[in-house]
Amino acid sequence: MKLNRIGNNETELTNEADTVVVLFSYDTPVAARVDTNYSRTVKHYSKTTTRHINKWLPANAYVSIVDQQFLDALIVNNFTLQKGSK
């Protein structure tokens, strides 16, 4: 897995296969790309987080609006520490 800081309080978490990318605003997962499908949380956090999401999503992409639990589950199901990792 790769962790990439893309701006102030903006971080991308990418799986090894580069098929799942999750955008974090501050410490919260707020948007994702799974293969070529984009999604964003339905939950509103702040103006800054909304700006992070809008900047990260492609302008002409179809974006699904999902419950926060969907993004949380993406992390649990696609990003696990391997035995011996710290």
N, C-alpha and C. Protein backbone atom coordinates (compact mmCIF):
# COMPACT_ATOMS: atom_id res chain seq x y z
N MET A 1 0.84 -1.17 0.00
CA MET A 1 0.00 0.00 0.00
C MET A 1 0.89 1.23 0.00
N LYS A 2 0.39 2.29 -0.62
CA LYS A 2 1.15 3.53 -0.73
C LYS A 2 0.36 4.67 -0.10
N LEU A 3 1.03 5.48 0.66
CA LEU A 3 0.44 6.65 1.28
C LEU A 3 1.10 7.87 0.65
N ASN A 4 0.28 8.77 0.09
CA ASN A 4 0.80 9.92 -0.64
C ASN A 4 0.12 11.19 -0.16
N ARG A 5 0.89 12.06 0.44
CA ARG A 5 0.34 13.36 0.85
C ARG A 5 0.25 14.23 -0.40
N ILE A 6 -0.95 14.70 -0.72
CA ILE A 6 -1.14 15.48 -1.94
C ILE A 6 -1.40 16.95 -1.66
N GLY A 7 -1.54 17.31 -0.42
CA GLY A 7 -1.76 18.70 -0.05
C GLY A 7 -1.90 18.81 1.46
N ASN A 8 -2.12 20.03 1.92
CA ASN A 8 -2.34 20.23 3.35
C ASN A 8 -3.59 19.48 3.78
N ASN A 9 -3.41 18.53 4.69
CA ASN A 9 -4.52 17.73 5.22
C ASN A 9 -5.24 16.92 4.15
N GLU A 10 -4.54 16.59 3.06
CA GLU A 10 -5.08 15.74 1.98
C GLU A 10 -4.10 14.61 1.72
N THR A 11 -4.60 13.37 1.79
CA THR A 11 -3.74 12.21 1.60
C THR A 11 -4.48 11.17 0.78
N GLU A 12 -3.73 10.49 -0.11
CA GLU A 12 -4.26 9.36 -0.86
C GLU A 12 -3.66 8.08 -0.31
N LEU A 13 -4.49 7.07 -0.18
CA LEU A 13 -4.05 5.73 0.17
C LEU A 13 -4.37 4.83 -1.02
N THR A 14 -3.35 4.18 -1.57
CA THR A 14 -3.51 3.36 -2.78
C THR A 14 -3.10 1.94 -2.48
N ASN A 15 -3.90 0.97 -2.95
CA ASN A 15 -3.51 -0.43 -2.74
C ASN A 15 -2.39 -0.82 -3.70
N GLU A 16 -1.79 -1.97 -3.44
CA GLU A 16 -0.63 -2.41 -4.23
C GLU A 16 -0.95 -2.57 -5.71
N ALA A 17 -2.16 -3.01 -6.04
CA ALA A 17 -2.55 -3.22 -7.44
C ALA A 17 -2.97 -1.93 -8.13
N ASP A 18 -3.01 -0.83 -7.39
CA ASP A 18 -3.44 0.47 -7.91
C ASP A 18 -4.89 0.44 -8.43
N THR A 19 -5.71 -0.42 -7.83
CA THR A 19 -7.11 -0.52 -8.23
C THR A 19 -8.04 0.21 -7.27
N VAL A 20 -7.55 0.51 -6.08
CA VAL A 20 -8.35 1.24 -5.09
C VAL A 20 -7.50 2.41 -4.57
N VAL A 21 -8.07 3.60 -4.68
CA VAL A 21 -7.43 4.81 -4.13
C VAL A 21 -8.47 5.50 -3.26
N VAL A 22 -8.10 5.81 -2.03
CA VAL A 22 -9.01 6.48 -1.11
C VAL A 22 -8.42 7.85 -0.77
N LEU A 23 -9.24 8.88 -0.88
CA LEU A 23 -8.84 10.23 -0.49
C LEU A 23 -9.24 10.46 0.95
N PHE A 24 -8.26 10.92 1.74
CA PHE A 24 -8.51 11.32 3.12
C PHE A 24 -8.42 12.84 3.20
N SER A 25 -9.38 13.44 3.86
CA SER A 25 -9.30 14.84 4.22
C SER A 25 -9.14 14.85 5.73
N TYR A 26 -8.04 15.43 6.18
CA TYR A 26 -7.64 15.30 7.57
C TYR A 26 -7.45 13.81 7.84
N ASP A 27 -8.17 13.20 8.75
CA ASP A 27 -8.01 11.77 9.03
C ASP A 27 -9.21 10.95 8.57
N THR A 28 -10.05 11.52 7.71
CA THR A 28 -11.31 10.88 7.35
C THR A 28 -11.34 10.50 5.87
N PRO A 29 -11.69 9.24 5.55
CA PRO A 29 -11.85 8.87 4.15
C PRO A 29 -13.12 9.53 3.60
N VAL A 30 -12.98 10.27 2.50
CA VAL A 30 -14.13 11.04 2.00
C VAL A 30 -14.46 10.78 0.54
N ALA A 31 -13.56 10.14 -0.20
CA ALA A 31 -13.83 9.84 -1.61
C ALA A 31 -12.93 8.68 -2.01
N ALA A 32 -13.28 8.02 -3.13
CA ALA A 32 -12.50 6.87 -3.56
C ALA A 32 -12.64 6.66 -5.06
N ARG A 33 -11.62 5.97 -5.58
CA ARG A 33 -11.68 5.43 -6.95
C ARG A 33 -11.45 3.94 -6.83
N VAL A 34 -12.39 3.15 -7.35
CA VAL A 34 -12.24 1.71 -7.43
C VAL A 34 -12.27 1.37 -8.91
N ASP A 35 -11.13 0.91 -9.42
CA ASP A 35 -10.91 0.74 -10.85
C ASP A 35 -11.16 2.09 -11.52
N THR A 36 -12.22 2.23 -12.31
CA THR A 36 -12.51 3.52 -12.96
C THR A 36 -13.76 4.18 -12.39
N ASN A 37 -14.26 3.66 -11.28
CA ASN A 37 -15.49 4.18 -10.67
C ASN A 37 -15.17 5.07 -9.48
N TYR A 38 -15.74 6.26 -9.48
CA TYR A 38 -15.50 7.23 -8.42
C TYR A 38 -16.70 7.32 -7.48
N SER A 39 -16.41 7.58 -6.21
CA SER A 39 -17.48 7.78 -5.23
C SER A 39 -17.03 8.82 -4.23
N ARG A 40 -18.01 9.44 -3.59
CA ARG A 40 -17.76 10.42 -2.54
C ARG A 40 -18.78 10.22 -1.44
N THR A 41 -18.42 10.61 -0.24
CA THR A 41 -19.32 10.44 0.89
C THR A 41 -20.52 11.39 0.78
N VAL A 42 -21.64 10.94 1.27
CA VAL A 42 -22.83 11.76 1.35
C VAL A 42 -22.72 12.74 2.53
N LYS A 43 -21.89 12.37 3.50
CA LYS A 43 -21.77 13.17 4.72
C LYS A 43 -21.00 14.46 4.46
N HIS A 44 -21.51 15.56 4.99
CA HIS A 44 -20.83 16.84 4.87
C HIS A 44 -19.98 17.07 6.13
N TYR A 45 -18.70 17.35 5.92
CA TYR A 45 -17.81 17.59 7.05
C TYR A 45 -17.49 19.07 7.22
N SER A 46 -17.00 19.72 6.17
CA SER A 46 -16.64 21.14 6.25
C SER A 46 -16.46 21.68 4.84
N LYS A 47 -16.35 23.00 4.74
CA LYS A 47 -16.08 23.61 3.44
C LYS A 47 -14.74 23.16 2.90
N THR A 48 -13.77 23.04 3.78
CA THR A 48 -12.43 22.63 3.34
C THR A 48 -12.45 21.20 2.81
N THR A 49 -13.10 20.30 3.50
CA THR A 49 -13.20 18.91 3.04
C THR A 49 -13.94 18.84 1.71
N THR A 50 -15.01 19.60 1.57
CA THR A 50 -15.73 19.64 0.29
C THR A 50 -14.81 20.13 -0.82
N ARG A 51 -13.99 21.11 -0.53
CA ARG A 51 -13.03 21.62 -1.52
C ARG A 51 -12.00 20.54 -1.88
N HIS A 52 -11.52 19.79 -0.89
CA HIS A 52 -10.58 18.69 -1.15
C HIS A 52 -11.20 17.67 -2.10
N ILE A 53 -12.44 17.28 -1.82
CA ILE A 53 -13.13 16.28 -2.64
C ILE A 53 -13.29 16.80 -4.06
N ASN A 54 -13.81 18.01 -4.20
CA ASN A 54 -14.07 18.56 -5.54
C ASN A 54 -12.79 18.72 -6.36
N LYS A 55 -11.70 19.06 -5.69
CA LYS A 55 -10.41 19.20 -6.38
C LYS A 55 -9.88 17.84 -6.84
N TRP A 56 -10.11 16.80 -6.05
CA TRP A 56 -9.57 15.47 -6.32
C TRP A 56 -10.35 14.73 -7.41
N LEU A 57 -11.65 14.90 -7.46
CA LEU A 57 -12.47 14.17 -8.43
C LEU A 57 -12.29 14.76 -9.83
N PRO A 58 -12.23 13.89 -10.86
CA PRO A 58 -12.14 14.39 -12.24
C PRO A 58 -13.40 15.18 -12.59
N ALA A 59 -13.23 16.23 -13.38
CA ALA A 59 -14.33 17.15 -13.71
C ALA A 59 -15.50 16.46 -14.41
N ASN A 60 -15.23 15.56 -15.32
CA ASN A 60 -16.31 14.96 -16.12
C ASN A 60 -16.67 13.54 -15.71
N ALA A 61 -16.20 13.10 -14.57
CA ALA A 61 -16.46 11.73 -14.13
C ALA A 61 -17.85 11.60 -13.51
N TYR A 62 -18.47 10.44 -13.73
CA TYR A 62 -19.69 10.11 -12.99
C TYR A 62 -19.24 9.73 -11.59
N VAL A 63 -19.87 10.30 -10.58
CA VAL A 63 -19.48 10.07 -9.19
C VAL A 63 -20.68 9.57 -8.41
N SER A 64 -20.54 8.41 -7.81
CA SER A 64 -21.59 7.87 -6.94
C SER A 64 -21.49 8.53 -5.57
N ILE A 65 -22.64 8.85 -5.01
CA ILE A 65 -22.72 9.37 -3.65
C ILE A 65 -22.98 8.18 -2.73
N VAL A 66 -22.09 7.95 -1.77
CA VAL A 66 -22.18 6.75 -0.94
C VAL A 66 -22.20 7.11 0.54
N ASP A 67 -22.73 6.19 1.34
CA ASP A 67 -22.68 6.34 2.79
C ASP A 67 -21.24 6.28 3.26
N GLN A 68 -20.96 6.91 4.37
CA GLN A 68 -19.61 6.89 4.94
C GLN A 68 -19.16 5.47 5.21
N GLN A 69 -20.08 4.59 5.57
CA GLN A 69 -19.74 3.20 5.85
C GLN A 69 -19.13 2.49 4.63
N PHE A 70 -19.53 2.90 3.42
CA PHE A 70 -18.97 2.32 2.20
C PHE A 70 -17.47 2.60 2.13
N LEU A 71 -17.09 3.85 2.39
CA LEU A 71 -15.67 4.21 2.34
C LEU A 71 -14.89 3.54 3.46
N ASP A 72 -15.48 3.47 4.64
CA ASP A 72 -14.84 2.78 5.75
C ASP A 72 -14.59 1.31 5.42
N ALA A 73 -15.58 0.67 4.79
CA ALA A 73 -15.46 -0.74 4.41
C ALA A 73 -14.40 -0.94 3.33
N LEU A 74 -14.27 0.00 2.41
CA LEU A 74 -13.22 -0.09 1.39
C LEU A 74 -11.85 -0.22 2.04
N ILE A 75 -11.63 0.54 3.08
CA ILE A 75 -10.34 0.51 3.77
C ILE A 75 -10.14 -0.83 4.46
N VAL A 76 -11.14 -1.27 5.19
CA VAL A 76 -11.03 -2.54 5.91
C VAL A 76 -10.80 -3.70 4.95
N ASN A 77 -11.50 -3.69 3.81
CA ASN A 77 -11.44 -4.81 2.89
C ASN A 77 -10.26 -4.77 1.92
N ASN A 78 -9.62 -3.62 1.74
CA ASN A 78 -8.56 -3.51 0.74
C ASN A 78 -7.20 -3.11 1.29
N PHE A 79 -7.15 -2.70 2.54
CA PHE A 79 -5.88 -2.24 3.11
C PHE A 79 -5.68 -2.88 4.46
N THR A 80 -4.92 -3.94 4.48
CA THR A 80 -4.62 -4.61 5.73
C THR A 80 -3.11 -4.68 5.89
N LEU A 81 -2.66 -4.53 7.09
CA LEU A 81 -1.23 -4.70 7.37
C LEU A 81 -0.89 -6.17 7.31
N GLN A 82 0.19 -6.48 6.65
CA GLN A 82 0.63 -7.87 6.59
C GLN A 82 1.34 -8.23 7.87
N LYS A 83 1.34 -9.51 8.19
CA LYS A 83 1.98 -9.98 9.40
C LYS A 83 3.44 -9.51 9.43
N GLY A 84 3.82 -8.94 10.54
CA GLY A 84 5.17 -8.44 10.68
C GLY A 84 5.30 -6.98 10.33
N SER A 85 4.24 -6.37 9.77
CA SER A 85 4.27 -4.92 9.43
C SER A 85 4.02 -4.12 10.68
N LYS A 86 4.57 -2.93 10.70
CA LYS A 86 4.33 -2.04 11.84
C LYS A 86 3.55 -0.86 11.38
